[in-house]
Structures are given as structure tokens and as C-alpha cells.
Amino acid sequence: MAIPYKRVERKNPMDENSQPKYYIRLVTLGQTATLDTIAYEMKEASSLSLGDIKSVLTNFVTAMRRALYNGHSVNIPDFGVFSLSARSEGADTMARCSVKNIRSVKINFRASSSVKPNLASKVAGEVMEFVDVEKMAEQTED
């Protein structure tokens, strides 16, 4: 399976007089992978039942949220690290800086080097192929 992409034209937003350039944007095709589809693939590669895998993944999410909400990062070896970050408004003084200044909180994910995409990889199953969606569309029209 190949990774679909398209070309997009963009100008530098900081320089109104700049010439537009073309960039590659990866696109998602088809349906999103769900807990059911991922669990089914895992079931096919293990001796666990579909229900066992779904239960473990669901409980993992609950336990991970609890750890994050208690101020911990969550490190899953060979996968990555989850942590929280906050966006807040600045305050003129330390006394005025409080949790009331927090506008949003998000979960960050930093992939470990073992799952980060590697364009130079020659290992079977890790080689990344790309396909131009515009050319794919032209081929299906013919």
C-alpha cells in the first residue's frame, strides 16, 4: 500500500510579495481506522480474542488519562511518550498568573525512534511508497 499525497500551492504568509511554492501534502483516503479494525488486525496476529484486545485498549486509554491528569507523562517503550501541555494567557504579574489563565489543554505525543517514519529504510514492511492522488484519479478516468 502506498501513502497518497497531493501538491498544494502556498505563499509565505509573512511575505505578501513572495512567489508561491508547491509543497507535498499527505492525504488520508477511505475510512479512519477504528478500535474495532485495529483490534481485529491485532487478533489476527496473536492468540488473544477480539474482546480481550478491545478491553485492554479501552482500559489503557482510561489508565493513561488518569496518569496524565495526575501530572505524569506516559512512556510506552518502542512507541512514544504522551504528555500534557497548556495554552494560557500572559499575566502582567505573578500574582495575576493563575489556572484561570489557561485557555486549552492538549495531549502531546512524541514518537520513539523505532516508530518514526524513515524515508531511507530498506527493511521490508518499513519502506514507504508514495502515490500522487491526482495521477490516480486520471488513471481511473481512462
Protein backbone atom coordinates (compact mmCIF):
# COMPACT_ATOMS: atom_id res chain seq x y z
CA MET A 1 0.00 0.00 0.00
CA ALA A 2 1.26 3.46 -0.85
CA ILE A 3 0.89 6.75 1.03
CA PRO A 4 -1.26 9.17 -1.01
CA TYR A 5 -0.24 12.77 -1.48
CA LYS A 6 -1.17 15.86 -3.43
CA ARG A 7 0.65 19.03 -4.38
CA VAL A 8 -0.54 22.31 -2.85
CA GLU A 9 0.46 25.84 -3.68
CA ARG A 10 1.21 28.19 -0.79
CA LYS A 11 2.63 31.64 -0.31
CA ASN A 12 4.79 32.66 2.61
CA PRO A 13 2.22 34.30 4.97
CA MET A 14 4.97 36.53 6.41
CA ASP A 15 5.86 37.97 2.98
CA GLU A 16 2.97 39.14 0.80
CA ASN A 17 5.32 39.69 -2.15
CA SER A 18 6.75 36.17 -2.12
CA GLN A 19 6.27 33.80 -5.03
CA PRO A 20 4.06 30.82 -4.25
CA LYS A 21 5.76 27.44 -3.93
CA TYR A 22 4.42 23.93 -4.25
CA TYR A 23 4.54 21.55 -1.33
CA ILE A 24 3.65 17.90 -0.84
CA ARG A 25 0.69 17.30 1.49
CA LEU A 26 -0.09 13.75 2.61
CA VAL A 27 -3.78 12.93 2.37
CA THR A 28 -5.99 10.38 4.05
CA LEU A 29 -8.15 8.16 1.89
CA GLY A 30 -11.01 5.91 2.89
CA GLN A 31 -12.32 5.31 6.33
CA THR A 32 -10.47 6.04 9.54
CA ALA A 33 -9.00 3.06 11.38
CA THR A 34 -11.15 2.41 14.45
CA LEU A 35 -10.71 0.49 17.67
CA ASP A 36 -12.57 -2.40 16.02
CA THR A 37 -10.39 -2.50 12.91
CA ILE A 38 -7.14 -2.18 14.84
CA ALA A 39 -8.23 -4.81 17.39
CA TYR A 40 -9.19 -7.18 14.55
CA GLU A 41 -5.73 -6.83 12.98
CA MET A 42 -4.13 -7.44 16.36
CA LYS A 43 -6.32 -10.50 16.91
CA GLU A 44 -5.18 -11.97 13.60
CA ALA A 45 -1.54 -11.65 14.71
CA SER A 46 -1.97 -13.04 18.24
CA SER A 47 -3.70 -15.69 20.31
CA LEU A 48 -5.94 -13.14 22.05
CA SER A 49 -9.64 -12.78 21.31
CA LEU A 50 -11.13 -9.64 19.77
CA GLY A 51 -12.92 -8.90 23.07
CA ASP A 52 -9.71 -9.26 25.09
CA ILE A 53 -7.85 -6.81 22.85
CA LYS A 54 -10.67 -4.26 22.82
CA SER A 55 -10.92 -4.47 26.61
CA VAL A 56 -7.18 -3.95 27.08
CA LEU A 57 -7.10 -0.96 24.70
CA THR A 58 -10.15 0.65 26.30
CA ASN A 59 -8.71 0.19 29.80
CA PHE A 60 -5.35 1.52 28.60
CA VAL A 61 -6.95 4.79 27.50
CA THR A 62 -8.62 5.20 30.89
CA ALA A 63 -5.40 4.45 32.79
CA MET A 64 -3.38 6.76 30.54
CA ARG A 65 -5.79 9.67 31.07
CA ARG A 66 -5.62 9.10 34.84
CA ALA A 67 -1.80 9.19 34.76
CA LEU A 68 -1.75 12.34 32.60
CA TYR A 69 -4.32 14.08 34.81
CA ASN A 70 -2.16 13.29 37.83
CA GLY A 71 0.77 15.15 36.28
CA HIS A 72 2.73 12.22 34.85
CA SER A 73 3.94 11.60 31.32
CA VAL A 74 3.20 8.16 29.86
CA ASN A 75 6.17 6.44 28.19
CA ILE A 76 5.44 3.33 26.14
CA PRO A 77 8.78 1.85 25.07
CA ASP A 78 9.17 1.44 21.29
CA PHE A 79 6.04 3.57 20.76
CA GLY A 80 6.41 7.01 22.32
CA VAL A 81 5.67 9.43 25.14
CA PHE A 82 2.35 11.13 25.89
CA SER A 83 2.27 14.34 27.96
CA LEU A 84 0.01 17.33 28.58
CA SER A 85 0.61 20.94 27.61
CA ALA A 86 -1.42 24.07 28.27
CA ARG A 87 -2.03 27.26 26.32
CA SER A 88 -2.56 30.24 28.59
CA GLU A 89 -2.86 33.99 28.50
CA GLY A 90 0.04 36.01 29.83
CA ALA A 91 -0.29 37.96 33.07
CA ASP A 92 1.44 41.20 34.00
CA THR A 93 2.40 39.94 37.46
CA MET A 94 2.99 36.59 39.08
CA ALA A 95 0.07 37.23 41.42
CA ARG A 96 -2.29 37.52 38.43
CA CYS A 97 -0.97 34.35 36.84
CA SER A 98 -3.30 31.50 37.84
CA VAL A 99 -5.09 28.50 36.40
CA LYS A 100 -7.82 30.91 35.31
CA ASN A 101 -5.39 31.99 32.56
CA ILE A 102 -5.43 28.50 30.99
CA ARG A 103 -7.35 28.56 27.70
CA SER A 104 -6.79 24.98 26.49
CA VAL A 105 -5.01 21.78 27.39
CA LYS A 106 -3.90 19.22 24.83
CA ILE A 107 -2.23 15.84 24.81
CA ASN A 108 1.14 15.73 23.05
CA PHE A 109 2.70 12.63 21.54
CA ARG A 110 6.39 12.23 20.76
CA ALA A 111 7.03 9.08 18.77
CA SER A 112 10.00 6.93 19.70
CA SER A 113 12.69 6.48 17.08
CA SER A 114 11.50 2.91 16.45
CA VAL A 115 8.14 4.10 15.03
CA LYS A 116 9.18 7.37 13.41
CA PRO A 117 8.97 7.21 9.63
CA ASN A 118 12.34 6.67 7.96
CA LEU A 119 12.49 7.60 4.28
CA ALA A 120 15.81 5.78 3.84
CA SER A 121 14.67 2.45 5.31
CA LYS A 122 15.22 -0.64 3.14
CA VAL A 123 13.69 -3.08 5.66
CA ALA A 124 10.64 -4.97 4.39
CA GLY A 125 7.46 -3.58 5.91
CA GLU A 126 9.11 -0.23 6.67
CA VAL A 127 9.68 1.00 3.11
CA MET A 128 7.45 3.97 2.39
CA GLU A 129 5.95 4.32 -1.07
CA PHE A 130 4.04 7.40 -2.19
CA VAL A 131 1.34 7.81 -4.84
CA ASP A 132 0.06 11.04 -6.42
CA VAL A 133 -3.76 11.14 -5.91
CA GLU A 134 -4.23 13.39 -8.95
CA LYS A 135 -2.49 10.83 -11.18
CA MET A 136 -4.51 8.05 -9.54
CA ALA A 137 -7.71 9.92 -10.41
CA GLU A 138 -6.58 10.38 -14.02
CA GLN A 139 -5.87 6.65 -14.35
CA THR A 140 -9.31 5.69 -13.06
CA GLU A 141 -10.97 8.07 -15.56
CA ASP A 142 -9.30 6.32 -18.54
